[in-house]
Amino acid sequence: MFEIKTFFELHSYEYTDPYYVNNPEAKYIPLEDASELKGYFDHRKFTPEHIQMLITIKYQNIDVVGIGAPSGLDLWNDYLTAIEEYLDEDNVSVIFATDPILLKFESKDDKKLEFSIQDEWEPVKVYAQALLPEEDFFDALLTGAEQFWNTLKNYRVFEEKEIRESTPKNIPDLRIEQIQVMRKKIKTLWK
């Protein structure tokens, strides 16, 4: 029903290069591309604390968030924050990436939510909007987040890269544990 994919944005490319303008997918490395990931993580500009990424979402084979959507730093943290807040409140609006863009979940009837990514300020541009089934959507998002954190764990990026002292080296384990707690909470709430 849902297809969630994580893409890592290239460390450097010419933003105005017609090739990247006409082929926006060329700016990204898919999470599943094992042949490219090792080099991406080994690059001198890679920092595991702040990863420029794009997360795409398809629902019933229709793009909800496509390759042309805004990318940003640490987007999985934004999605996890929004889910956590939504479980406590029915309407959530969190800052998405580092731009003045909002990620919004608004509760609707019949266990559905209105999902949107839109500018915070006027004029408001809407980058994504859809009415989605809550439980299936959150399950798909948590699965995507878990795949992301497991990939970082498997490549040992927090162990092998120099990171700030305040960043724990076991952060992938902590995030995976957080995701498992959220799954349990969802199952309890929506039984």
N, C-alpha and C. Protein backbone atom coordinates (compact mmCIF):
# COMPACT_ATOMS: atom_id res chain seq x y z
N MET A 1 0.83 -1.19 0.00
CA MET A 1 0.00 0.00 0.00
C MET A 1 0.88 1.26 0.00
N PHE A 2 1.88 1.31 0.92
CA PHE A 2 2.81 2.43 0.99
C PHE A 2 4.18 2.00 0.52
N GLU A 3 4.89 2.93 -0.09
CA GLU A 3 6.29 2.73 -0.45
C GLU A 3 7.04 3.97 0.02
N ILE A 4 7.90 3.77 1.00
CA ILE A 4 8.68 4.86 1.57
C ILE A 4 10.14 4.62 1.21
N LYS A 5 10.80 5.62 0.65
CA LYS A 5 12.21 5.48 0.27
C LYS A 5 13.02 6.65 0.81
N THR A 6 14.23 6.33 1.22
CA THR A 6 15.17 7.34 1.70
C THR A 6 16.28 7.51 0.68
N PHE A 7 16.60 8.77 0.39
CA PHE A 7 17.68 9.09 -0.54
C PHE A 7 18.66 10.04 0.15
N PHE A 8 19.95 9.78 -0.04
CA PHE A 8 20.98 10.67 0.46
C PHE A 8 21.36 11.65 -0.65
N GLU A 9 21.38 12.93 -0.32
CA GLU A 9 21.74 13.93 -1.33
C GLU A 9 23.26 13.94 -1.50
N LEU A 10 23.70 14.03 -2.75
CA LEU A 10 25.14 14.07 -3.04
C LEU A 10 25.80 15.18 -2.23
N HIS A 11 27.05 14.95 -1.85
CA HIS A 11 27.77 15.93 -1.03
C HIS A 11 28.02 17.23 -1.78
N SER A 12 28.27 17.14 -3.06
CA SER A 12 28.48 18.37 -3.83
C SER A 12 28.07 18.14 -5.29
N TYR A 13 27.41 19.12 -5.82
CA TYR A 13 27.04 19.15 -7.23
C TYR A 13 26.65 20.58 -7.54
N GLU A 14 26.64 20.93 -8.79
CA GLU A 14 26.29 22.29 -9.20
C GLU A 14 24.77 22.40 -9.29
N TYR A 15 24.17 23.12 -8.35
CA TYR A 15 22.71 23.22 -8.26
C TYR A 15 22.06 23.74 -9.53
N THR A 16 22.76 24.60 -10.25
CA THR A 16 22.18 25.20 -11.46
C THR A 16 22.54 24.42 -12.72
N ASP A 17 23.32 23.37 -12.59
CA ASP A 17 23.69 22.53 -13.75
C ASP A 17 22.41 22.00 -14.39
N PRO A 18 22.23 22.24 -15.69
CA PRO A 18 21.01 21.77 -16.36
C PRO A 18 20.78 20.27 -16.20
N TYR A 19 21.85 19.50 -16.09
CA TYR A 19 21.68 18.05 -15.91
C TYR A 19 20.90 17.76 -14.62
N TYR A 20 21.27 18.40 -13.52
CA TYR A 20 20.58 18.15 -12.24
C TYR A 20 19.21 18.82 -12.20
N VAL A 21 19.07 19.94 -12.88
CA VAL A 21 17.77 20.60 -12.95
C VAL A 21 16.78 19.71 -13.70
N ASN A 22 17.22 19.10 -14.80
CA ASN A 22 16.35 18.25 -15.62
C ASN A 22 16.25 16.81 -15.12
N ASN A 23 17.18 16.40 -14.27
CA ASN A 23 17.20 15.04 -13.73
C ASN A 23 17.39 15.10 -12.21
N PRO A 24 16.39 15.56 -11.47
CA PRO A 24 16.58 15.75 -10.04
C PRO A 24 16.95 14.46 -9.29
N GLU A 25 16.55 13.32 -9.82
CA GLU A 25 16.91 12.05 -9.16
C GLU A 25 18.41 11.80 -9.17
N ALA A 26 19.14 12.44 -10.08
CA ALA A 26 20.60 12.26 -10.16
C ALA A 26 21.32 12.89 -8.98
N LYS A 27 20.62 13.74 -8.20
CA LYS A 27 21.22 14.38 -7.03
C LYS A 27 21.27 13.45 -5.81
N TYR A 28 20.67 12.26 -5.95
CA TYR A 28 20.46 11.41 -4.78
C TYR A 28 21.01 10.00 -4.96
N ILE A 29 21.36 9.40 -3.83
CA ILE A 29 21.75 7.99 -3.77
C ILE A 29 20.68 7.28 -2.95
N PRO A 30 20.03 6.27 -3.52
CA PRO A 30 19.01 5.55 -2.75
C PRO A 30 19.63 4.77 -1.58
N LEU A 31 18.90 4.67 -0.50
CA LEU A 31 19.34 3.94 0.68
C LEU A 31 19.71 2.50 0.33
N GLU A 32 19.05 1.93 -0.66
CA GLU A 32 19.27 0.53 -1.04
C GLU A 32 20.50 0.33 -1.92
N ASP A 33 21.13 1.40 -2.38
CA ASP A 33 22.24 1.29 -3.32
C ASP A 33 23.56 1.03 -2.59
N ALA A 34 23.78 -0.23 -2.23
CA ALA A 34 24.96 -0.62 -1.47
C ALA A 34 26.26 -0.28 -2.18
N SER A 35 26.24 -0.29 -3.52
CA SER A 35 27.47 -0.01 -4.27
C SER A 35 27.92 1.44 -4.11
N GLU A 36 27.01 2.35 -3.79
CA GLU A 36 27.34 3.77 -3.66
C GLU A 36 27.46 4.23 -2.20
N LEU A 37 26.81 3.51 -1.28
CA LEU A 37 26.73 4.00 0.09
C LEU A 37 28.08 4.06 0.80
N LYS A 38 28.91 3.06 0.63
CA LYS A 38 30.21 3.05 1.32
C LYS A 38 31.01 4.30 0.96
N GLY A 39 31.07 4.63 -0.32
CA GLY A 39 31.77 5.84 -0.75
C GLY A 39 31.12 7.10 -0.21
N TYR A 40 29.79 7.11 -0.15
CA TYR A 40 29.07 8.26 0.38
C TYR A 40 29.44 8.49 1.84
N PHE A 41 29.41 7.40 2.63
CA PHE A 41 29.73 7.52 4.05
C PHE A 41 31.20 7.81 4.30
N ASP A 42 32.08 7.37 3.41
CA ASP A 42 33.51 7.61 3.57
C ASP A 42 33.94 8.99 3.10
N HIS A 43 33.07 9.70 2.40
CA HIS A 43 33.41 11.02 1.85
C HIS A 43 33.79 11.97 2.98
N ARG A 44 34.76 12.80 2.72
CA ARG A 44 35.26 13.73 3.74
C ARG A 44 34.19 14.72 4.23
N LYS A 45 33.18 15.01 3.42
CA LYS A 45 32.14 15.95 3.82
C LYS A 45 30.98 15.30 4.57
N PHE A 46 31.00 13.97 4.68
CA PHE A 46 29.89 13.28 5.36
C PHE A 46 30.00 13.44 6.87
N THR A 47 28.91 13.87 7.49
CA THR A 47 28.82 13.92 8.94
C THR A 47 27.54 13.19 9.35
N PRO A 48 27.65 12.17 10.18
CA PRO A 48 26.46 11.39 10.51
C PRO A 48 25.41 12.16 11.32
N GLU A 49 25.83 13.21 12.02
CA GLU A 49 24.86 13.97 12.81
C GLU A 49 23.91 14.79 11.94
N HIS A 50 24.35 15.15 10.74
CA HIS A 50 23.53 16.00 9.87
C HIS A 50 23.59 15.47 8.45
N ILE A 51 22.61 14.69 8.08
CA ILE A 51 22.59 14.05 6.76
C ILE A 51 21.53 14.73 5.90
N GLN A 52 21.96 15.26 4.77
CA GLN A 52 21.03 15.87 3.82
C GLN A 52 20.34 14.73 3.07
N MET A 53 19.03 14.70 3.13
CA MET A 53 18.29 13.58 2.56
C MET A 53 16.94 14.00 1.99
N LEU A 54 16.34 13.06 1.31
CA LEU A 54 14.99 13.19 0.78
C LEU A 54 14.26 11.90 1.11
N ILE A 55 13.04 12.02 1.54
CA ILE A 55 12.20 10.85 1.81
C ILE A 55 11.00 10.95 0.88
N THR A 56 10.83 9.93 0.03
CA THR A 56 9.68 9.92 -0.87
C THR A 56 8.62 8.97 -0.31
N ILE A 57 7.37 9.29 -0.62
CA ILE A 57 6.24 8.49 -0.14
C ILE A 57 5.29 8.26 -1.31
N LYS A 58 4.99 6.98 -1.52
CA LYS A 58 3.94 6.61 -2.48
C LYS A 58 2.84 5.91 -1.71
N TYR A 59 1.60 6.22 -2.11
CA TYR A 59 0.45 5.54 -1.52
C TYR A 59 -0.41 5.03 -2.67
N GLN A 60 -0.64 3.74 -2.68
CA GLN A 60 -1.38 3.08 -3.77
C GLN A 60 -0.78 3.47 -5.12
N ASN A 61 0.54 3.41 -5.23
CA ASN A 61 1.31 3.70 -6.44
C ASN A 61 1.21 5.14 -6.94
N ILE A 62 0.76 6.04 -6.08
CA ILE A 62 0.67 7.45 -6.44
C ILE A 62 1.65 8.23 -5.57
N ASP A 63 2.45 9.10 -6.19
CA ASP A 63 3.40 9.91 -5.44
C ASP A 63 2.67 10.87 -4.51
N VAL A 64 2.98 10.77 -3.23
CA VAL A 64 2.51 11.75 -2.25
C VAL A 64 3.62 12.76 -2.04
N VAL A 65 4.84 12.25 -1.84
CA VAL A 65 6.05 13.07 -1.75
C VAL A 65 7.00 12.52 -2.80
N GLY A 66 7.21 13.27 -3.86
CA GLY A 66 8.04 12.80 -4.96
C GLY A 66 9.46 13.30 -4.89
N ILE A 67 10.21 12.97 -5.92
CA ILE A 67 11.64 13.30 -5.97
C ILE A 67 11.87 14.81 -6.02
N GLY A 68 10.88 15.58 -6.43
CA GLY A 68 11.02 17.03 -6.49
C GLY A 68 10.66 17.75 -5.20
N ALA A 69 10.31 17.01 -4.16
CA ALA A 69 9.95 17.62 -2.88
C ALA A 69 11.19 18.18 -2.19
N PRO A 70 10.99 19.03 -1.21
CA PRO A 70 12.14 19.58 -0.49
C PRO A 70 12.95 18.49 0.22
N SER A 71 14.26 18.60 0.09
CA SER A 71 15.14 17.74 0.88
C SER A 71 15.53 18.53 2.12
N GLY A 72 16.21 17.88 3.04
CA GLY A 72 16.61 18.59 4.24
C GLY A 72 17.50 17.75 5.13
N LEU A 73 17.91 18.34 6.22
CA LEU A 73 18.77 17.64 7.16
C LEU A 73 17.94 16.78 8.11
N ASP A 74 18.36 15.55 8.26
CA ASP A 74 17.81 14.67 9.30
C ASP A 74 16.28 14.56 9.28
N LEU A 75 15.72 14.35 8.12
CA LEU A 75 14.26 14.34 7.99
C LEU A 75 13.59 13.23 8.79
N TRP A 76 14.28 12.12 8.99
CA TRP A 76 13.64 11.06 9.78
C TRP A 76 13.36 11.53 11.20
N ASN A 77 14.21 12.38 11.74
CA ASN A 77 13.94 12.93 13.07
C ASN A 77 12.67 13.76 13.07
N ASP A 78 12.44 14.51 11.99
CA ASP A 78 11.23 15.32 11.88
C ASP A 78 9.98 14.44 11.83
N TYR A 79 10.04 13.37 11.04
CA TYR A 79 8.89 12.47 10.96
C TYR A 79 8.62 11.79 12.30
N LEU A 80 9.68 11.32 12.97
CA LEU A 80 9.49 10.66 14.26
C LEU A 80 8.92 11.62 15.30
N THR A 81 9.38 12.85 15.30
CA THR A 81 8.85 13.87 16.21
C THR A 81 7.37 14.10 15.94
N ALA A 82 7.02 14.21 14.67
CA ALA A 82 5.61 14.45 14.31
C ALA A 82 4.73 13.29 14.74
N ILE A 83 5.20 12.06 14.55
CA ILE A 83 4.40 10.90 14.96
C ILE A 83 4.22 10.90 16.47
N GLU A 84 5.30 11.12 17.21
CA GLU A 84 5.20 11.14 18.68
C GLU A 84 4.20 12.19 19.15
N GLU A 85 4.29 13.38 18.59
CA GLU A 85 3.36 14.45 18.99
C GLU A 85 1.93 14.12 18.58
N TYR A 86 1.75 13.51 17.42
CA TYR A 86 0.41 13.17 16.94
C TYR A 86 -0.25 12.14 17.87
N LEU A 87 0.53 11.24 18.42
CA LEU A 87 -0.03 10.23 19.31
C LEU A 87 -0.57 10.86 20.60
N ASP A 88 -0.06 12.03 20.96
CA ASP A 88 -0.54 12.74 22.14
C ASP A 88 -1.60 13.79 21.80
N GLU A 89 -1.53 14.33 20.60
CA GLU A 89 -2.48 15.34 20.12
C GLU A 89 -2.96 14.91 18.74
N ASP A 90 -4.11 15.39 18.33
CA ASP A 90 -4.64 14.98 17.02
C ASP A 90 -4.17 15.84 15.86
N ASN A 91 -3.63 16.99 16.14
CA ASN A 91 -3.16 17.87 15.08
C ASN A 91 -1.75 18.32 15.42
N VAL A 92 -0.85 18.11 14.48
CA VAL A 92 0.57 18.39 14.72
C VAL A 92 1.14 19.18 13.56
N SER A 93 2.01 20.10 13.91
CA SER A 93 2.74 20.87 12.92
C SER A 93 4.16 21.03 13.45
N VAL A 94 5.14 20.44 12.73
CA VAL A 94 6.54 20.53 13.14
C VAL A 94 7.36 21.13 12.00
N ILE A 95 8.45 21.77 12.37
CA ILE A 95 9.36 22.31 11.37
C ILE A 95 9.96 21.15 10.59
N PHE A 96 9.96 21.27 9.28
CA PHE A 96 10.46 20.24 8.39
C PHE A 96 11.79 20.70 7.81
N ALA A 97 12.83 19.95 8.11
CA ALA A 97 14.18 20.29 7.65
C ALA A 97 14.63 21.57 8.33
N THR A 98 15.35 22.41 7.63
CA THR A 98 15.83 23.66 8.24
C THR A 98 15.17 24.87 7.60
N ASP A 99 14.32 24.66 6.65
CA ASP A 99 13.64 25.76 5.97
C ASP A 99 12.37 26.12 6.73
N PRO A 100 11.77 27.25 6.41
CA PRO A 100 10.48 27.57 7.02
C PRO A 100 9.36 26.76 6.33
N ILE A 101 9.45 25.45 6.50
CA ILE A 101 8.49 24.51 5.92
C ILE A 101 7.92 23.68 7.06
N LEU A 102 6.64 23.38 6.99
CA LEU A 102 5.97 22.62 8.04
C LEU A 102 5.58 21.23 7.55
N LEU A 103 5.72 20.26 8.42
CA LEU A 103 5.20 18.90 8.24
C LEU A 103 3.98 18.84 9.13
N LYS A 104 2.81 18.54 8.53
CA LYS A 104 1.57 18.59 9.30
C LYS A 104 0.81 17.26 9.20
N PHE A 105 0.30 16.83 10.35
CA PHE A 105 -0.61 15.70 10.45
C PHE A 105 -1.87 16.23 11.12
N GLU A 106 -3.01 16.09 10.45
CA GLU A 106 -4.27 16.56 11.02
C GLU A 106 -5.28 15.41 11.03
N SER A 107 -5.79 15.09 12.19
CA SER A 107 -6.72 13.99 12.35
C SER A 107 -8.03 14.27 11.61
N LYS A 108 -8.51 13.25 10.91
CA LYS A 108 -9.80 13.32 10.22
C LYS A 108 -10.65 12.14 10.68
N ASP A 109 -11.86 12.04 10.19
CA ASP A 109 -12.74 10.93 10.55
C ASP A 109 -12.23 9.60 10.01
N ASP A 110 -12.76 8.52 10.55
CA ASP A 110 -12.48 7.16 10.08
C ASP A 110 -11.00 6.78 10.11
N LYS A 111 -10.30 7.20 11.17
CA LYS A 111 -8.90 6.84 11.37
C LYS A 111 -8.01 7.24 10.18
N LYS A 112 -8.30 8.40 9.68
CA LYS A 112 -7.48 8.96 8.59
C LYS A 112 -6.86 10.26 9.08
N LEU A 113 -5.80 10.64 8.40
CA LEU A 113 -5.17 11.93 8.71
C LEU A 113 -4.85 12.65 7.42
N GLU A 114 -4.88 13.96 7.51
CA GLU A 114 -4.44 14.76 6.38
C GLU A 114 -2.96 15.06 6.60
N PHE A 115 -2.17 14.62 5.65
CA PHE A 115 -0.72 14.80 5.68
C PHE A 115 -0.38 15.92 4.73
N SER A 116 0.50 16.83 5.17
CA SER A 116 0.95 17.87 4.23
C SER A 116 2.35 18.35 4.60
N ILE A 117 3.04 18.80 3.57
CA ILE A 117 4.30 19.51 3.71
C ILE A 117 4.08 20.83 2.97
N GLN A 118 4.24 21.95 3.70
CA GLN A 118 3.93 23.24 3.11
C GLN A 118 4.77 24.33 3.75
N ASP A 119 4.87 25.44 3.02
CA ASP A 119 5.59 26.59 3.55
C ASP A 119 4.91 27.08 4.82
N GLU A 120 5.73 27.61 5.70
CA GLU A 120 5.21 28.16 6.95
C GLU A 120 4.66 29.57 6.74
N TRP A 121 5.26 30.32 5.82
CA TRP A 121 4.91 31.72 5.63
C TRP A 121 4.21 31.93 4.28
N GLU A 122 3.50 33.05 4.21
CA GLU A 122 2.84 33.45 2.97
C GLU A 122 3.88 33.85 1.93
N PRO A 123 3.67 33.61 0.68
CA PRO A 123 2.61 32.76 0.13
C PRO A 123 2.93 31.29 0.41
N VAL A 124 1.92 30.56 0.79
CA VAL A 124 2.09 29.17 1.18
C VAL A 124 2.11 28.28 -0.05
N LYS A 125 3.23 27.62 -0.25
CA LYS A 125 3.33 26.62 -1.31
C LYS A 125 3.16 25.26 -0.66
N VAL A 126 2.29 24.42 -1.23
CA VAL A 126 2.06 23.07 -0.72
C VAL A 126 2.89 22.11 -1.56
N TYR A 127 3.82 21.40 -0.91
CA TYR A 127 4.72 20.47 -1.60
C TYR A 127 4.13 19.06 -1.65
N ALA A 128 3.29 18.74 -0.66
CA ALA A 128 2.66 17.42 -0.61
C ALA A 128 1.40 17.53 0.23
N GLN A 129 0.38 16.78 -0.18
CA GLN A 129 -0.87 16.76 0.59
C GLN A 129 -1.64 15.52 0.21
N ALA A 130 -2.15 14.81 1.23
CA ALA A 130 -2.94 13.61 0.97
C ALA A 130 -3.73 13.21 2.21
N LEU A 131 -4.84 12.55 1.99
CA LEU A 131 -5.62 11.95 3.06
C LEU A 131 -5.20 10.49 3.14
N LEU A 132 -4.68 10.07 4.31
CA LEU A 132 -4.06 8.76 4.43
C LEU A 132 -4.58 8.01 5.66
N PRO A 133 -4.59 6.67 5.61
CA PRO A 133 -4.98 5.89 6.79
C PRO A 133 -3.88 5.97 7.85
N GLU A 134 -4.25 6.43 9.05
CA GLU A 134 -3.27 6.68 10.12
C GLU A 134 -2.36 5.49 10.39
N GLU A 135 -2.95 4.40 10.78
CA GLU A 135 -2.15 3.27 11.26
C GLU A 135 -1.21 2.73 10.19
N ASP A 136 -1.70 2.54 8.98
CA ASP A 136 -0.86 2.03 7.89
C ASP A 136 0.24 3.02 7.53
N PHE A 137 -0.10 4.31 7.54
CA PHE A 137 0.89 5.34 7.23
C PHE A 137 2.01 5.36 8.27
N PHE A 138 1.62 5.35 9.53
CA PHE A 138 2.64 5.38 10.59
C PHE A 138 3.48 4.11 10.58
N ASP A 139 2.85 2.98 10.32
CA ASP A 139 3.61 1.73 10.24
C ASP A 139 4.64 1.80 9.12
N ALA A 140 4.24 2.33 7.97
CA ALA A 140 5.16 2.46 6.83
C ALA A 140 6.28 3.45 7.15
N LEU A 141 5.95 4.58 7.79
CA LEU A 141 6.97 5.55 8.16
C LEU A 141 7.97 4.95 9.15
N LEU A 142 7.46 4.24 10.15
CA LEU A 142 8.35 3.64 11.15
C LEU A 142 9.24 2.57 10.53
N THR A 143 8.70 1.83 9.58
CA THR A 143 9.51 0.84 8.87
C THR A 143 10.62 1.53 8.07
N GLY A 144 10.28 2.62 7.39
CA GLY A 144 11.28 3.37 6.64
C GLY A 144 12.36 3.95 7.55
N ALA A 145 11.95 4.49 8.68
CA ALA A 145 12.91 5.05 9.64
C ALA A 145 13.81 3.95 10.19
N GLU A 146 13.23 2.82 10.48
CA GLU A 146 14.01 1.69 11.01
C GLU A 146 15.04 1.21 9.99
N GLN A 147 14.64 1.15 8.72
CA GLN A 147 15.59 0.77 7.66
C GLN A 147 16.74 1.77 7.59
N PHE A 148 16.42 3.05 7.69
CA PHE A 148 17.44 4.10 7.66
C PHE A 148 18.43 3.91 8.80
N TRP A 149 17.93 3.79 10.02
CA TRP A 149 18.82 3.67 11.17
C TRP A 149 19.59 2.36 11.17
N ASN A 150 18.98 1.28 10.69
CA ASN A 150 19.71 0.02 10.57
C ASN A 150 20.84 0.13 9.55
N THR A 151 20.61 0.86 8.47
CA THR A 151 21.67 1.06 7.47
C THR A 151 22.84 1.82 8.09
N LEU A 152 22.56 2.90 8.82
CA LEU A 152 23.63 3.64 9.47
C LEU A 152 24.37 2.77 10.48
N LYS A 153 23.61 1.93 11.16
CA LYS A 153 24.23 1.01 12.14
C LYS A 153 25.12 0.00 11.42
N ASN A 154 24.62 -0.59 10.35
CA ASN A 154 25.37 -1.61 9.62
C ASN A 154 26.66 -1.06 9.02
N TYR A 155 26.63 0.20 8.60
CA TYR A 155 27.83 0.83 8.04
C TYR A 155 28.70 1.46 9.14
N ARG A 156 28.25 1.38 10.36
CA ARG A 156 29.00 1.85 11.53
C ARG A 156 29.42 3.32 11.41
N VAL A 157 28.56 4.13 10.85
CA VAL A 157 28.94 5.52 10.58
C VAL A 157 29.16 6.33 11.86
N PHE A 158 28.47 6.00 12.93
CA PHE A 158 28.66 6.74 14.17
C PHE A 158 29.88 6.23 14.94
N GLU A 159 30.31 5.05 14.61
CA GLU A 159 31.48 4.49 15.28
C GLU A 159 32.77 4.86 14.57
N GLU A 160 32.72 4.96 13.25
CA GLU A 160 33.94 5.16 12.47
C GLU A 160 34.20 6.61 12.07
N LYS A 161 33.21 7.46 12.17
CA LYS A 161 33.38 8.87 11.84
C LYS A 161 33.60 9.67 13.12
N GLU A 162 34.31 10.77 12.98
CA GLU A 162 34.49 11.66 14.11
C GLU A 162 33.20 12.42 14.32
N ILE A 163 32.68 12.35 15.53
CA ILE A 163 31.43 13.03 15.84
C ILE A 163 31.62 13.88 17.10
N ARG A 164 30.66 14.76 17.33
CA ARG A 164 30.71 15.59 18.54
C ARG A 164 30.65 14.71 19.78
N GLU A 165 31.25 15.18 20.86
CA GLU A 165 31.22 14.43 22.11
C GLU A 165 29.80 14.22 22.61
N SER A 166 28.92 15.17 22.32
CA SER A 166 27.54 15.08 22.81
C SER A 166 26.68 14.08 22.02
N THR A 167 27.19 13.58 20.91
CA THR A 167 26.45 12.61 20.10
C THR A 167 26.86 11.20 20.49
N PRO A 168 25.92 10.41 21.01
CA PRO A 168 26.28 9.05 21.39
C PRO A 168 26.59 8.19 20.16
N LYS A 169 27.59 7.34 20.27
CA LYS A 169 27.97 6.46 19.16
C LYS A 169 26.91 5.40 18.89
N ASN A 170 26.04 5.15 19.86
CA ASN A 170 25.00 4.14 19.68
C ASN A 170 23.65 4.77 19.30
N ILE A 171 23.69 5.94 18.69
CA ILE A 171 22.44 6.62 18.34
C ILE A 171 21.54 5.78 17.43
N PRO A 172 22.08 5.00 16.47
CA PRO A 172 21.16 4.16 15.70
C PRO A 172 20.37 3.19 16.59
N ASP A 173 21.04 2.60 17.58
CA ASP A 173 20.34 1.70 18.50
C ASP A 173 19.27 2.44 19.30
N LEU A 174 19.59 3.65 19.73
CA LEU A 174 18.62 4.45 20.49
C LEU A 174 17.41 4.80 19.64
N ARG A 175 17.63 5.15 18.38
CA ARG A 175 16.51 5.49 17.49
C ARG A 175 15.66 4.25 17.17
N ILE A 176 16.32 3.13 16.96
CA ILE A 176 15.57 1.88 16.69
C ILE A 176 14.73 1.51 17.90
N GLU A 177 15.28 1.68 19.08
CA GLU A 177 14.53 1.42 20.32
C GLU A 177 13.34 2.38 20.42
N GLN A 178 13.55 3.65 20.08
CA GLN A 178 12.47 4.64 20.09
C GLN A 178 11.36 4.23 19.12
N ILE A 179 11.72 3.74 17.96
CA ILE A 179 10.74 3.30 16.96
C ILE A 179 9.94 2.12 17.49
N GLN A 180 10.60 1.17 18.13
CA GLN A 180 9.90 0.01 18.69
C GLN A 180 8.92 0.43 19.78
N VAL A 181 9.29 1.39 20.61
CA VAL A 181 8.39 1.91 21.64
C VAL A 181 7.18 2.58 20.98
N MET A 182 7.42 3.33 19.91
CA MET A 182 6.32 3.99 19.21
C MET A 182 5.37 2.97 18.59
N ARG A 183 5.92 1.91 18.02
CA ARG A 183 5.06 0.85 17.45
C ARG A 183 4.13 0.26 18.51
N LYS A 184 4.69 -0.01 19.69
CA LYS A 184 3.88 -0.56 20.79
C LYS A 184 2.79 0.42 21.21
N LYS A 185 3.15 1.69 21.28
CA LYS A 185 2.17 2.70 21.66
C LYS A 185 1.04 2.79 20.64
N ILE A 186 1.39 2.73 19.37
CA ILE A 186 0.39 2.77 18.30
C ILE A 186 -0.56 1.58 18.41
N LYS A 187 0.00 0.39 18.61
CA LYS A 187 -0.84 -0.81 18.72
C LYS A 187 -1.77 -0.72 19.92
N THR A 188 -1.29 -0.16 21.02
CA THR A 188 -2.12 0.01 22.22
C THR A 188 -3.22 1.02 21.98
N LEU A 189 -2.90 2.14 21.35
CA LEU A 189 -3.89 3.19 21.12
C LEU A 189 -4.98 2.79 20.13
N TRP A 190 -4.60 2.02 19.10
CA TRP A 190 -5.53 1.74 18.01
C TRP A 190 -5.99 0.30 17.96
N LYS A 191 -6.07 -0.33 19.14
CA LYS A 191 -6.58 -1.71 19.20
C LYS A 191 -8.06 -1.74 18.96
